[in-house]
Amino acid sequence: MTTGLENEEPASQQQGRRKGSRRLLSRILIALLALLVLPYLLTLIYIAVAPPTSALMLLRMAQGYMPSYHWVPMSEISPHLARGVIASEDQRFCLHSGIDWQAVQQVVSSDQARGASTITMQVAKNLFLWPGRSYLRKALELPLAYWIDLLWSKRRILEVYLNIVEFGPGIYGAEAAARHHFGKAAKDLSRREASLLVAVLPDPLGRNASKPGRTTSRIAALVERRMRAIGPYARCIGTTG
């Protein structure tokens, strides 16, 4: 006759299993906390150091796109491209603190799909997070944008943006884009060439700056017109021409 006691797990084993589960949970929580803190620490480093890569580049590599990425300082990027990006992506760039709540209000009231993401928010997303729409990503992106704006100058924010933004499949930054699409350095881009590069930003995998379709050409013409009037709103980056 058996009592069933021999099938019961010893208390010491049960206690050991519970401790093991707690250790595993603690390690997971520590790893998650490290992932959350890492972008804030890297932001401090990137005040003066060029980012060697970005989260978006790593994601695209996993998708099969090998990156073409060559960092250049702001002085080696055409002012046309700098003004074009502000004119198209974030006209209040020099006025807000990373998040343009005025633009957010306008988007919510008009139910637009695009227009509230600032250049600073795009830097946070491209450098540290992932593309696509989700409340989780936005929850991580907003405080990062404030942090970046607090630590970096506006010129530095735009410099990083122009060096890591995606201009085509595997093409990152102004220098790689200028050489790939137009066979020249980023500093030599004309107003028209800069406007074509800006026009592909909403859909870098679907549009081509060197072989623009009707939509890309139309948007580039609009960017070029806006670029001529954006000078006074670009003073924070040292270009008003």
Protein backbone atom coordinates (compact mmCIF):
# COMPACT_ATOMS: atom_id res chain seq x y z
CA MET A 1 0.00 0.00 0.00
CA THR A 2 1.35 3.41 -0.95
CA THR A 3 0.55 6.70 0.72
CA GLY A 4 1.53 8.95 -2.24
CA LEU A 5 4.12 10.72 -0.15
CA GLU A 6 6.92 9.24 -2.24
CA ASN A 7 5.53 11.19 -5.25
CA GLU A 8 5.62 14.53 -3.50
CA GLU A 9 8.48 16.87 -4.43
CA PRO A 10 10.76 17.57 -1.47
CA ALA A 11 10.32 21.01 0.04
CA SER A 12 13.96 21.85 -0.67
CA GLN A 13 13.45 21.22 -4.40
CA GLN A 14 10.29 23.34 -4.45
CA GLN A 15 12.12 26.15 -2.71
CA GLY A 16 15.04 25.87 -5.13
CA ARG A 17 12.68 26.03 -8.10
CA ARG A 18 11.00 29.15 -6.73
CA LYS A 19 14.38 30.80 -6.19
CA GLY A 20 15.40 29.91 -9.74
CA SER A 21 12.21 31.47 -11.12
CA ARG A 22 12.78 34.63 -9.11
CA ARG A 23 16.39 34.86 -10.35
CA LEU A 24 15.24 34.46 -13.94
CA LEU A 25 12.57 37.13 -13.49
CA SER A 26 15.10 39.47 -11.89
CA ARG A 27 17.52 38.99 -14.80
CA ILE A 28 14.78 39.69 -17.32
CA LEU A 29 13.76 42.86 -15.49
CA ILE A 30 17.39 44.01 -15.25
CA ALA A 31 17.88 43.37 -18.98
CA LEU A 32 14.73 45.34 -19.82
CA LEU A 33 15.82 48.20 -17.57
CA ALA A 34 19.24 48.22 -19.24
CA LEU A 35 17.58 48.44 -22.67
CA LEU A 36 15.48 51.38 -21.48
CA VAL A 37 18.45 53.22 -19.96
CA LEU A 38 20.94 52.55 -22.78
CA PRO A 39 19.55 55.17 -25.23
CA TYR A 40 19.82 57.86 -22.53
CA LEU A 41 23.47 56.95 -21.90
CA LEU A 42 24.27 56.80 -25.62
CA THR A 43 22.68 60.22 -26.07
CA LEU A 44 25.35 61.59 -23.72
CA ILE A 45 28.10 59.94 -25.76
CA TYR A 46 26.63 61.11 -29.07
CA ILE A 47 26.88 64.75 -28.00
CA ALA A 48 30.35 64.65 -29.53
CA VAL A 49 30.76 61.17 -31.05
CA ALA A 50 29.25 60.13 -34.38
CA PRO A 51 26.83 57.19 -33.97
CA PRO A 52 28.48 54.13 -35.55
CA THR A 53 25.10 52.70 -36.53
CA SER A 54 21.40 53.01 -35.71
CA ALA A 55 18.55 50.74 -34.73
CA LEU A 56 17.01 51.23 -38.17
CA MET A 57 20.23 50.22 -39.93
CA LEU A 58 20.41 47.04 -37.85
CA LEU A 59 16.78 46.24 -38.63
CA ARG A 60 17.30 46.78 -42.36
CA MET A 61 20.41 44.56 -42.24
CA ALA A 62 18.25 41.80 -40.78
CA GLN A 63 15.90 42.36 -43.74
CA GLY A 64 18.78 41.95 -46.20
CA TYR A 65 19.77 45.59 -46.91
CA MET A 66 23.48 46.17 -46.36
CA PRO A 67 24.01 49.75 -45.17
CA SER A 68 25.82 52.48 -47.08
CA TYR A 69 26.64 55.00 -44.36
CA HIS A 70 29.33 57.67 -44.28
CA TRP A 71 29.24 60.31 -41.56
CA VAL A 72 30.10 63.88 -42.50
CA PRO A 73 29.95 67.02 -40.33
CA MET A 74 27.23 69.59 -40.85
CA SER A 75 29.69 71.87 -42.64
CA GLU A 76 30.01 69.20 -45.35
CA ILE A 77 26.26 69.04 -46.05
CA SER A 78 24.54 71.40 -48.46
CA PRO A 79 22.50 74.12 -46.71
CA HIS A 80 19.80 73.42 -49.30
CA LEU A 81 19.28 69.96 -47.79
CA ALA A 82 19.24 71.29 -44.23
CA ARG A 83 16.67 73.94 -45.07
CA GLY A 84 14.66 71.52 -47.19
CA VAL A 85 14.35 69.04 -44.34
CA ILE A 86 13.16 71.74 -41.93
CA ALA A 87 10.75 73.14 -44.54
CA SER A 88 9.24 69.73 -45.21
CA GLU A 89 9.56 67.74 -41.99
CA ASP A 90 9.48 70.21 -39.11
CA GLN A 91 8.93 73.91 -39.82
CA ARG A 92 8.90 74.77 -36.09
CA PHE A 93 12.16 72.88 -35.46
CA CYS A 94 13.93 75.92 -34.02
CA LEU A 95 11.00 76.80 -31.75
CA HIS A 96 9.93 73.63 -29.94
CA SER A 97 11.68 71.50 -27.30
CA GLY A 98 11.69 68.19 -29.13
CA ILE A 99 7.92 67.76 -29.43
CA ASP A 100 5.73 70.20 -31.33
CA TRP A 101 2.48 70.09 -29.37
CA GLN A 102 0.98 72.71 -31.66
CA ALA A 103 1.44 70.34 -34.60
CA VAL A 104 0.08 67.45 -32.54
CA GLN A 105 -3.08 69.45 -31.83
CA GLN A 106 -3.51 70.24 -35.52
CA VAL A 107 -3.07 66.59 -36.50
CA VAL A 108 -5.59 65.41 -33.91
CA SER A 109 -8.17 68.03 -34.89
CA SER A 110 -7.79 67.40 -38.63
CA ASP A 111 -7.31 63.61 -38.38
CA GLN A 112 -4.16 63.75 -40.50
CA ALA A 113 -1.95 60.72 -40.77
CA ARG A 114 1.32 62.65 -40.84
CA GLY A 115 2.81 65.91 -39.66
CA ALA A 116 3.32 65.76 -35.86
CA SER A 117 6.60 63.84 -35.80
CA THR A 118 9.43 66.34 -35.30
CA ILE A 119 12.98 65.94 -36.54
CA THR A 120 14.03 65.27 -32.94
CA MET A 121 11.42 62.53 -32.58
CA GLN A 122 12.60 60.98 -35.84
CA VAL A 123 16.18 60.99 -34.52
CA ALA A 124 15.02 59.17 -31.39
CA LYS A 125 13.07 56.65 -33.45
CA ASN A 126 15.71 55.97 -36.11
CA LEU A 127 18.65 55.92 -33.71
CA PHE A 128 17.22 53.88 -30.85
CA LEU A 129 13.77 52.43 -31.61
CA TRP A 130 11.93 50.91 -34.58
CA PRO A 131 9.66 52.06 -37.43
CA GLY A 132 5.90 51.56 -37.57
CA ARG A 133 3.11 52.84 -35.39
CA SER A 134 2.49 51.68 -31.85
CA TYR A 135 1.62 53.27 -28.53
CA LEU A 136 4.61 51.54 -26.94
CA ARG A 137 7.07 53.09 -29.38
CA LYS A 138 5.52 56.54 -28.94
CA ALA A 139 5.69 56.15 -25.16
CA LEU A 140 9.43 55.49 -25.47
CA GLU A 141 10.01 58.07 -28.19
CA LEU A 142 8.54 61.15 -26.49
CA PRO A 143 10.76 61.28 -23.38
CA LEU A 144 13.77 60.44 -25.54
CA ALA A 145 12.99 63.39 -27.79
CA TYR A 146 12.87 65.71 -24.78
CA TRP A 147 16.15 64.26 -23.50
CA ILE A 148 17.89 64.70 -26.86
CA ASP A 149 16.65 68.29 -27.18
CA LEU A 150 17.85 69.03 -23.66
CA LEU A 151 21.40 67.77 -24.27
CA TRP A 152 22.07 68.50 -27.92
CA SER A 153 22.09 71.79 -29.79
CA LYS A 154 19.59 72.17 -32.62
CA ARG A 155 22.47 72.07 -35.08
CA ARG A 156 23.69 68.77 -33.58
CA ILE A 157 20.19 67.27 -33.76
CA LEU A 158 19.90 68.14 -37.44
CA GLU A 159 23.46 66.95 -38.09
CA VAL A 160 22.68 63.53 -36.64
CA TYR A 161 19.35 63.38 -38.47
CA LEU A 162 20.92 64.19 -41.85
CA ASN A 163 23.55 61.51 -41.30
CA ILE A 164 21.32 58.61 -40.22
CA VAL A 165 18.02 59.20 -42.02
CA GLU A 166 17.07 56.64 -44.68
CA PHE A 167 17.15 57.94 -48.27
CA GLY A 168 16.69 54.59 -50.01
CA PRO A 169 17.18 50.83 -49.49
CA GLY A 170 20.38 50.63 -47.44
CA ILE A 171 21.21 54.33 -48.09
CA TYR A 172 21.69 56.31 -44.88
CA GLY A 173 22.64 59.93 -44.54
CA ALA A 174 23.26 62.85 -46.86
CA GLU A 175 26.72 61.80 -48.07
CA ALA A 176 25.75 58.25 -49.06
CA ALA A 177 22.53 59.53 -50.67
CA ALA A 178 24.25 62.28 -52.66
CA ARG A 179 26.88 59.92 -54.00
CA HIS A 180 24.40 57.13 -54.76
CA HIS A 181 21.77 59.27 -56.48
CA PHE A 182 23.78 62.12 -57.99
CA GLY A 183 27.42 61.05 -57.99
CA LYS A 184 28.59 63.99 -55.91
CA ALA A 185 29.38 64.97 -52.31
CA ALA A 186 26.60 66.10 -50.00
CA LYS A 187 28.09 69.60 -49.80
CA ASP A 188 27.66 70.03 -53.57
CA LEU A 189 23.94 69.24 -53.79
CA SER A 190 21.91 71.79 -55.72
CA ARG A 191 18.57 73.09 -54.49
CA ARG A 192 16.73 70.78 -56.90
CA GLU A 193 18.76 67.71 -55.91
CA ALA A 194 18.25 68.47 -52.22
CA SER A 195 14.51 68.83 -52.73
CA LEU A 196 14.37 65.46 -54.51
CA LEU A 197 16.16 63.80 -51.58
CA VAL A 198 13.74 65.39 -49.13
CA ALA A 199 10.82 64.21 -51.25
CA VAL A 200 11.74 60.55 -50.78
CA LEU A 201 11.86 60.74 -46.95
CA PRO A 202 8.21 59.74 -46.37
CA ASP A 203 8.76 56.55 -48.43
CA PRO A 204 12.50 55.86 -48.86
CA LEU A 205 11.95 52.25 -49.93
CA GLY A 206 9.38 53.16 -52.56
CA ARG A 207 10.70 56.43 -54.05
CA ASN A 208 13.87 57.18 -55.96
CA ALA A 209 15.52 60.62 -55.93
CA SER A 210 17.57 60.02 -59.08
CA LYS A 211 14.62 58.53 -61.01
CA PRO A 212 11.67 60.48 -59.60
CA GLY A 213 8.14 59.57 -60.53
CA ARG A 214 5.30 62.05 -60.82
CA THR A 215 4.56 62.07 -57.07
CA THR A 216 8.20 62.51 -56.07
CA SER A 217 8.69 65.32 -58.62
CA ARG A 218 5.56 67.11 -57.44
CA ILE A 219 6.62 66.91 -53.79
CA ALA A 220 10.15 68.04 -54.66
CA ALA A 221 8.77 71.13 -56.38
CA LEU A 222 6.72 71.94 -53.29
CA VAL A 223 9.75 71.43 -51.03
CA GLU A 224 11.81 73.71 -53.26
CA ARG A 225 9.23 76.50 -52.96
CA ARG A 226 9.03 76.11 -49.20
CA MET A 227 12.82 76.03 -48.97
CA ARG A 228 13.08 79.55 -50.37
CA ALA A 229 10.94 80.94 -47.55
CA ILE A 230 12.24 78.90 -44.61
CA GLY A 231 15.44 80.91 -44.02
CA PRO A 232 14.27 82.95 -40.99
CA TYR A 233 13.00 79.75 -39.34
CA ALA A 234 16.36 77.99 -39.71
CA ARG A 235 18.50 80.42 -37.77
CA CYS A 236 19.10 77.93 -34.95
CA ILE A 237 21.25 75.83 -37.30
CA GLY A 238 23.25 78.78 -38.60
CA THR A 239 21.81 78.93 -42.12
CA THR A 240 19.40 81.59 -43.29
CA GLY A 241 20.16 81.79 -47.01
